[in-house]
Amino acid sequence: MNGPAEVMGNRGTGRVEQSWRSPSTEAALRPAVDIYETGEGIVLQADVPGVAKERLNLRVEGNNLIVEGSIGIAPQEQMTALYADVRSTVYRRSFALSNELEADRIDANLKDGLLTVRIPKRADLRARRIEVTS
């Protein structure tokens, strides 16, 4: 099932909500994603094996984070697969971002097929230490 997940930073409780929405008619693989909350924001880790940095498209449209990437498999001419577990070479996921997050400060890193996206919380919503005086 393709669809967006909502990443919410509700005052210390990161939640992910799935809903159905087909982003396009092209069949796409849905990469496995782990999402967790830190004191600074939300961290999203997606498995996108075979996707090179140049073939990765990460963008924000409105309040949606779109992750797309394609695997660089070039089939040889005159060859057809007798059997293929995976026929699509495109990964796609969509995530709705809470307004508690700073979409303009998203940072992403791709290493060994693992895409790590850091989405910071607004500064006024981050946990902070309060000094106690006597």
N, C-alpha and C. Protein backbone atom coordinates (compact mmCIF):
# COMPACT_ATOMS: atom_id res chain seq x y z
N MET A 1 0.85 -1.18 0.00
CA MET A 1 0.00 0.00 0.00
C MET A 1 0.89 1.23 0.00
N ASN A 2 0.73 2.12 -0.97
CA ASN A 2 1.44 3.39 -1.01
C ASN A 2 0.61 4.42 -0.28
N GLY A 3 1.28 5.35 0.39
CA GLY A 3 0.52 6.39 1.06
C GLY A 3 1.39 7.22 1.94
N PRO A 4 0.91 8.37 2.37
CA PRO A 4 1.71 9.24 3.21
C PRO A 4 1.62 8.81 4.67
N ALA A 5 2.63 9.14 5.38
CA ALA A 5 2.61 8.97 6.83
C ALA A 5 2.68 10.37 7.42
N GLU A 6 2.03 10.60 8.51
CA GLU A 6 2.09 11.91 9.14
C GLU A 6 3.10 11.85 10.26
N VAL A 7 4.09 12.72 10.19
CA VAL A 7 5.12 12.80 11.21
C VAL A 7 4.73 13.95 12.12
N MET A 8 4.41 13.62 13.35
CA MET A 8 3.90 14.63 14.25
C MET A 8 4.80 14.73 15.46
N GLY A 9 5.18 15.93 15.82
CA GLY A 9 5.99 16.15 17.01
C GLY A 9 5.13 16.71 18.12
N ASN A 10 4.07 16.05 18.48
CA ASN A 10 3.13 16.55 19.49
C ASN A 10 3.72 16.53 20.88
N ARG A 11 4.40 17.56 21.23
CA ARG A 11 4.92 17.77 22.57
C ARG A 11 5.46 16.49 23.20
N GLY A 12 6.48 15.95 22.55
CA GLY A 12 7.16 14.80 23.12
C GLY A 12 6.62 13.46 22.69
N THR A 13 5.60 13.42 21.84
CA THR A 13 5.10 12.13 21.37
C THR A 13 5.15 12.12 19.86
N GLY A 14 6.15 11.46 19.28
CA GLY A 14 6.22 11.33 17.83
C GLY A 14 5.25 10.25 17.39
N ARG A 15 4.37 10.56 16.45
CA ARG A 15 3.42 9.58 15.96
C ARG A 15 3.51 9.51 14.46
N VAL A 16 3.20 8.34 13.94
CA VAL A 16 3.14 8.13 12.50
C VAL A 16 1.76 7.60 12.18
N GLU A 17 1.09 8.24 11.27
CA GLU A 17 -0.23 7.80 10.86
C GLU A 17 -0.21 7.50 9.37
N GLN A 18 -0.69 6.32 8.99
CA GLN A 18 -0.72 5.92 7.60
C GLN A 18 -2.11 6.18 7.02
N SER A 19 -2.16 6.60 5.79
CA SER A 19 -3.43 6.72 5.08
C SER A 19 -3.16 6.43 3.61
N TRP A 20 -4.17 6.05 2.88
CA TRP A 20 -4.03 5.66 1.49
C TRP A 20 -4.03 6.88 0.58
N ARG A 21 -3.07 6.94 -0.32
CA ARG A 21 -3.05 7.95 -1.38
C ARG A 21 -2.05 7.51 -2.42
N SER A 22 -2.46 7.37 -3.63
CA SER A 22 -1.57 6.95 -4.70
C SER A 22 -0.94 8.19 -5.33
N PRO A 23 0.41 8.38 -5.21
CA PRO A 23 1.04 9.58 -5.72
C PRO A 23 1.10 9.63 -7.24
N SER A 24 1.06 8.50 -7.91
CA SER A 24 1.05 8.48 -9.36
C SER A 24 0.58 7.11 -9.82
N THR A 25 0.41 6.97 -11.11
CA THR A 25 -0.05 5.68 -11.64
C THR A 25 1.10 4.71 -11.81
N GLU A 26 2.34 5.19 -11.80
CA GLU A 26 3.51 4.32 -11.96
C GLU A 26 3.70 3.47 -10.70
N ALA A 27 3.92 2.19 -10.91
CA ALA A 27 4.15 1.30 -9.77
C ALA A 27 5.48 1.66 -9.12
N ALA A 28 5.50 1.70 -7.80
CA ALA A 28 6.71 2.06 -7.08
C ALA A 28 6.87 1.16 -5.87
N LEU A 29 8.11 0.95 -5.49
CA LEU A 29 8.41 0.22 -4.26
C LEU A 29 8.25 1.17 -3.10
N ARG A 30 7.79 0.66 -2.00
CA ARG A 30 7.62 1.47 -0.79
C ARG A 30 8.74 1.09 0.18
N PRO A 31 9.76 1.93 0.31
CA PRO A 31 10.89 1.56 1.16
C PRO A 31 10.51 1.45 2.63
N ALA A 32 11.16 0.53 3.31
CA ALA A 32 10.97 0.41 4.76
C ALA A 32 11.53 1.66 5.42
N VAL A 33 10.79 2.20 6.38
CA VAL A 33 11.19 3.45 7.03
C VAL A 33 11.04 3.32 8.54
N ASP A 34 12.06 3.78 9.27
CA ASP A 34 12.00 3.90 10.72
C ASP A 34 11.95 5.39 11.04
N ILE A 35 11.04 5.77 11.94
CA ILE A 35 10.90 7.17 12.33
C ILE A 35 10.98 7.24 13.85
N TYR A 36 11.83 8.12 14.34
CA TYR A 36 11.91 8.31 15.79
C TYR A 36 12.15 9.77 16.11
N GLU A 37 11.81 10.11 17.36
CA GLU A 37 11.91 11.48 17.82
C GLU A 37 13.11 11.64 18.74
N THR A 38 13.84 12.73 18.57
CA THR A 38 14.93 13.09 19.46
C THR A 38 14.57 14.41 20.12
N GLY A 39 15.43 14.90 20.99
CA GLY A 39 15.19 16.19 21.61
C GLY A 39 15.20 17.33 20.60
N GLU A 40 15.91 17.12 19.50
CA GLU A 40 16.04 18.17 18.48
C GLU A 40 14.98 18.11 17.40
N GLY A 41 14.39 16.94 17.18
CA GLY A 41 13.40 16.83 16.11
C GLY A 41 13.07 15.39 15.78
N ILE A 42 12.75 15.15 14.51
CA ILE A 42 12.36 13.84 14.02
C ILE A 42 13.47 13.33 13.10
N VAL A 43 13.80 12.04 13.24
CA VAL A 43 14.76 11.40 12.36
C VAL A 43 14.03 10.30 11.61
N LEU A 44 14.19 10.30 10.30
CA LEU A 44 13.56 9.33 9.42
C LEU A 44 14.67 8.56 8.73
N GLN A 45 14.64 7.23 8.78
CA GLN A 45 15.65 6.42 8.10
C GLN A 45 14.93 5.49 7.13
N ALA A 46 15.28 5.59 5.84
CA ALA A 46 14.64 4.80 4.80
C ALA A 46 15.67 3.91 4.12
N ASP A 47 15.29 2.65 3.90
CA ASP A 47 16.13 1.71 3.17
C ASP A 47 15.88 1.89 1.68
N VAL A 48 16.90 2.37 0.95
CA VAL A 48 16.79 2.56 -0.50
C VAL A 48 18.01 1.95 -1.19
N PRO A 49 18.19 0.63 -1.06
CA PRO A 49 19.37 0.00 -1.66
C PRO A 49 19.38 0.16 -3.17
N GLY A 50 20.56 0.42 -3.70
CA GLY A 50 20.73 0.56 -5.14
C GLY A 50 20.50 1.95 -5.68
N VAL A 51 20.07 2.88 -4.83
CA VAL A 51 19.81 4.25 -5.27
C VAL A 51 21.05 5.10 -5.02
N ALA A 52 21.57 5.71 -6.08
CA ALA A 52 22.71 6.62 -5.96
C ALA A 52 22.19 8.01 -5.58
N LYS A 53 23.07 8.80 -4.99
CA LYS A 53 22.71 10.16 -4.57
C LYS A 53 22.12 10.97 -5.73
N GLU A 54 22.67 10.79 -6.92
CA GLU A 54 22.22 11.53 -8.10
C GLU A 54 20.81 11.12 -8.55
N ARG A 55 20.37 9.94 -8.15
CA ARG A 55 19.07 9.43 -8.58
C ARG A 55 18.02 9.54 -7.46
N LEU A 56 18.35 10.30 -6.42
CA LEU A 56 17.47 10.49 -5.28
C LEU A 56 16.82 11.87 -5.37
N ASN A 57 15.52 11.94 -5.16
CA ASN A 57 14.79 13.19 -5.21
C ASN A 57 14.04 13.34 -3.89
N LEU A 58 14.49 14.26 -3.07
CA LEU A 58 13.90 14.53 -1.76
C LEU A 58 13.41 15.98 -1.81
N ARG A 59 12.09 16.18 -1.58
CA ARG A 59 11.56 17.54 -1.68
C ARG A 59 10.38 17.73 -0.74
N VAL A 60 10.08 18.99 -0.45
CA VAL A 60 8.93 19.36 0.35
C VAL A 60 7.95 20.09 -0.56
N GLU A 61 6.72 19.59 -0.59
CA GLU A 61 5.64 20.22 -1.35
C GLU A 61 4.53 20.54 -0.36
N GLY A 62 4.32 21.81 -0.08
CA GLY A 62 3.35 22.20 0.94
C GLY A 62 3.82 21.69 2.28
N ASN A 63 3.03 20.84 2.92
CA ASN A 63 3.47 20.26 4.19
C ASN A 63 3.79 18.77 4.03
N ASN A 64 4.14 18.35 2.80
CA ASN A 64 4.49 16.96 2.53
C ASN A 64 5.96 16.82 2.17
N LEU A 65 6.59 15.83 2.78
CA LEU A 65 7.96 15.46 2.43
C LEU A 65 7.84 14.29 1.47
N ILE A 66 8.40 14.43 0.27
CA ILE A 66 8.35 13.40 -0.76
C ILE A 66 9.75 12.80 -0.91
N VAL A 67 9.83 11.48 -0.81
CA VAL A 67 11.09 10.76 -1.00
C VAL A 67 10.92 9.88 -2.22
N GLU A 68 11.74 10.12 -3.25
CA GLU A 68 11.70 9.32 -4.47
C GLU A 68 13.13 9.00 -4.88
N GLY A 69 13.31 7.83 -5.40
CA GLY A 69 14.62 7.44 -5.90
C GLY A 69 14.46 6.31 -6.89
N SER A 70 15.42 6.21 -7.80
CA SER A 70 15.36 5.13 -8.77
C SER A 70 16.67 4.36 -8.77
N ILE A 71 16.53 3.07 -8.98
CA ILE A 71 17.69 2.18 -9.02
C ILE A 71 18.26 2.22 -10.42
N GLY A 72 19.56 2.32 -10.53
CA GLY A 72 20.23 2.41 -11.83
C GLY A 72 20.50 1.06 -12.45
N ILE A 73 19.43 0.31 -12.75
CA ILE A 73 19.60 -0.98 -13.42
C ILE A 73 19.35 -0.76 -14.90
N ALA A 74 20.34 -1.07 -15.70
CA ALA A 74 20.20 -0.92 -17.14
C ALA A 74 20.12 -2.32 -17.76
N PRO A 75 18.92 -2.76 -18.14
CA PRO A 75 18.79 -4.09 -18.74
C PRO A 75 19.53 -4.15 -20.07
N GLN A 76 20.16 -5.26 -20.30
CA GLN A 76 20.90 -5.45 -21.54
C GLN A 76 19.92 -5.66 -22.69
N GLU A 77 20.29 -5.17 -23.87
CA GLU A 77 19.44 -5.38 -25.03
C GLU A 77 19.36 -6.87 -25.34
N GLN A 78 18.25 -7.27 -25.88
CA GLN A 78 18.01 -8.65 -26.28
C GLN A 78 17.90 -9.60 -25.08
N MET A 79 17.77 -9.05 -23.86
CA MET A 79 17.64 -9.88 -22.68
C MET A 79 16.30 -9.58 -22.01
N THR A 80 15.62 -10.62 -21.58
CA THR A 80 14.40 -10.46 -20.80
C THR A 80 14.51 -11.34 -19.57
N ALA A 81 13.96 -10.86 -18.49
CA ALA A 81 14.03 -11.61 -17.25
C ALA A 81 13.09 -12.82 -17.33
N LEU A 82 13.59 -13.98 -16.96
CA LEU A 82 12.75 -15.17 -16.87
C LEU A 82 11.91 -15.13 -15.59
N TYR A 83 12.50 -14.53 -14.56
CA TYR A 83 11.81 -14.39 -13.27
C TYR A 83 12.36 -13.15 -12.59
N ALA A 84 11.48 -12.37 -11.98
CA ALA A 84 11.92 -11.18 -11.25
C ALA A 84 11.02 -10.99 -10.03
N ASP A 85 11.62 -10.96 -8.83
CA ASP A 85 10.86 -10.68 -7.61
C ASP A 85 10.37 -9.25 -7.61
N VAL A 86 11.20 -8.36 -8.09
CA VAL A 86 10.88 -6.93 -8.09
C VAL A 86 10.95 -6.42 -9.52
N ARG A 87 9.87 -5.87 -9.99
CA ARG A 87 9.85 -5.36 -11.37
C ARG A 87 10.03 -3.84 -11.41
N SER A 88 9.66 -3.14 -10.36
CA SER A 88 9.79 -1.69 -10.33
C SER A 88 11.20 -1.31 -9.91
N THR A 89 11.70 -0.23 -10.45
CA THR A 89 13.01 0.27 -10.06
C THR A 89 12.90 1.65 -9.41
N VAL A 90 11.70 1.99 -8.94
CA VAL A 90 11.44 3.30 -8.35
C VAL A 90 10.96 3.11 -6.91
N TYR A 91 11.56 3.89 -6.00
CA TYR A 91 11.11 3.95 -4.61
C TYR A 91 10.32 5.24 -4.45
N ARG A 92 9.24 5.20 -3.63
CA ARG A 92 8.47 6.43 -3.39
C ARG A 92 7.75 6.32 -2.04
N ARG A 93 7.88 7.37 -1.24
CA ARG A 93 7.12 7.51 0.02
C ARG A 93 6.78 8.98 0.19
N SER A 94 5.70 9.24 0.90
CA SER A 94 5.27 10.60 1.17
C SER A 94 4.92 10.70 2.65
N PHE A 95 5.33 11.81 3.28
CA PHE A 95 5.10 12.02 4.71
C PHE A 95 4.54 13.42 4.91
N ALA A 96 3.43 13.53 5.64
CA ALA A 96 2.86 14.83 5.99
C ALA A 96 3.61 15.35 7.21
N LEU A 97 4.08 16.58 7.12
CA LEU A 97 4.88 17.18 8.19
C LEU A 97 4.00 18.05 9.09
N SER A 98 4.17 17.89 10.38
CA SER A 98 3.49 18.73 11.35
C SER A 98 4.03 20.15 11.25
N ASN A 99 3.21 21.13 11.59
CA ASN A 99 3.69 22.52 11.57
C ASN A 99 4.62 22.81 12.75
N GLU A 100 4.84 21.82 13.61
CA GLU A 100 5.79 21.96 14.71
C GLU A 100 7.23 21.71 14.25
N LEU A 101 7.38 21.32 12.98
CA LEU A 101 8.70 21.01 12.43
C LEU A 101 9.13 22.11 11.47
N GLU A 102 10.45 22.27 11.32
CA GLU A 102 11.01 23.29 10.43
C GLU A 102 11.39 22.65 9.10
N ALA A 103 10.46 22.65 8.16
CA ALA A 103 10.67 22.00 6.87
C ALA A 103 11.81 22.65 6.07
N ASP A 104 12.07 23.93 6.29
CA ASP A 104 13.13 24.62 5.55
C ASP A 104 14.53 24.29 6.07
N ARG A 105 14.63 23.52 7.15
CA ARG A 105 15.93 23.17 7.72
C ARG A 105 16.19 21.66 7.69
N ILE A 106 15.51 20.94 6.80
CA ILE A 106 15.68 19.49 6.70
C ILE A 106 17.07 19.18 6.17
N ASP A 107 17.70 18.16 6.78
CA ASP A 107 19.03 17.72 6.40
C ASP A 107 18.94 16.25 6.02
N ALA A 108 19.62 15.83 4.95
CA ALA A 108 19.56 14.44 4.52
C ALA A 108 20.95 13.91 4.19
N ASN A 109 21.13 12.60 4.44
CA ASN A 109 22.40 11.94 4.19
C ASN A 109 22.10 10.55 3.64
N LEU A 110 22.83 10.13 2.62
CA LEU A 110 22.68 8.80 2.03
C LEU A 110 24.00 8.07 2.13
N LYS A 111 23.97 6.90 2.80
CA LYS A 111 25.19 6.11 2.92
C LYS A 111 24.83 4.63 2.92
N ASP A 112 25.44 3.87 2.02
CA ASP A 112 25.25 2.43 1.93
C ASP A 112 23.78 2.02 1.85
N GLY A 113 23.00 2.75 1.06
CA GLY A 113 21.60 2.42 0.86
C GLY A 113 20.66 2.85 1.97
N LEU A 114 21.17 3.58 2.95
CA LEU A 114 20.34 4.07 4.05
C LEU A 114 20.25 5.59 3.96
N LEU A 115 19.03 6.08 3.74
CA LEU A 115 18.78 7.52 3.69
C LEU A 115 18.36 7.96 5.08
N THR A 116 19.10 8.91 5.65
CA THR A 116 18.79 9.47 6.96
C THR A 116 18.37 10.92 6.77
N VAL A 117 17.15 11.23 7.20
CA VAL A 117 16.60 12.58 7.08
C VAL A 117 16.35 13.11 8.48
N ARG A 118 16.90 14.29 8.78
CA ARG A 118 16.68 14.93 10.08
C ARG A 118 15.81 16.15 9.87
N ILE A 119 14.69 16.17 10.61
CA ILE A 119 13.74 17.28 10.51
C ILE A 119 13.68 17.95 11.88
N PRO A 120 14.26 19.15 12.02
CA PRO A 120 14.30 19.79 13.35
C PRO A 120 12.94 20.33 13.78
N LYS A 121 12.74 20.30 15.11
CA LYS A 121 11.56 20.94 15.70
C LYS A 121 11.80 22.44 15.73
N ARG A 122 10.71 23.19 15.78
CA ARG A 122 10.85 24.63 16.00
C ARG A 122 11.55 24.84 17.32
N ALA A 123 12.41 25.84 17.39
CA ALA A 123 13.21 26.10 18.59
C ALA A 123 12.35 26.29 19.83
N ASP A 124 11.21 26.94 19.70
CA ASP A 124 10.37 27.19 20.87
C ASP A 124 9.67 25.93 21.38
N LEU A 125 9.73 24.83 20.64
CA LEU A 125 9.09 23.58 21.07
C LEU A 125 10.09 22.52 21.56
N ARG A 126 11.37 22.81 21.43
CA ARG A 126 12.39 21.86 21.87
C ARG A 126 12.47 21.84 23.40
N ALA A 127 12.81 20.67 23.91
CA ALA A 127 13.02 20.56 25.36
C ALA A 127 14.21 21.42 25.76
N ARG A 128 14.12 22.03 26.89
CA ARG A 128 15.25 22.84 27.37
C ARG A 128 15.37 22.66 28.87
N ARG A 129 16.57 22.77 29.34
CA ARG A 129 16.85 22.62 30.77
C ARG A 129 16.60 23.95 31.47
N ILE A 130 15.94 23.86 32.61
CA ILE A 130 15.64 25.06 33.41
C ILE A 130 16.53 25.02 34.65
N GLU A 131 17.32 26.05 34.78
CA GLU A 131 18.23 26.12 35.92
C GLU A 131 17.46 26.53 37.17
N VAL A 132 17.71 25.81 38.25
CA VAL A 132 17.07 26.11 39.54
C VAL A 132 18.07 26.86 40.41
N THR A 133 17.64 27.98 40.92
CA THR A 133 18.51 28.76 41.81
C THR A 133 17.97 28.72 43.23
N SER A 134 18.85 29.03 44.17
CA SER A 134 18.40 29.01 45.57
C SER A 134 18.32 30.40 46.13
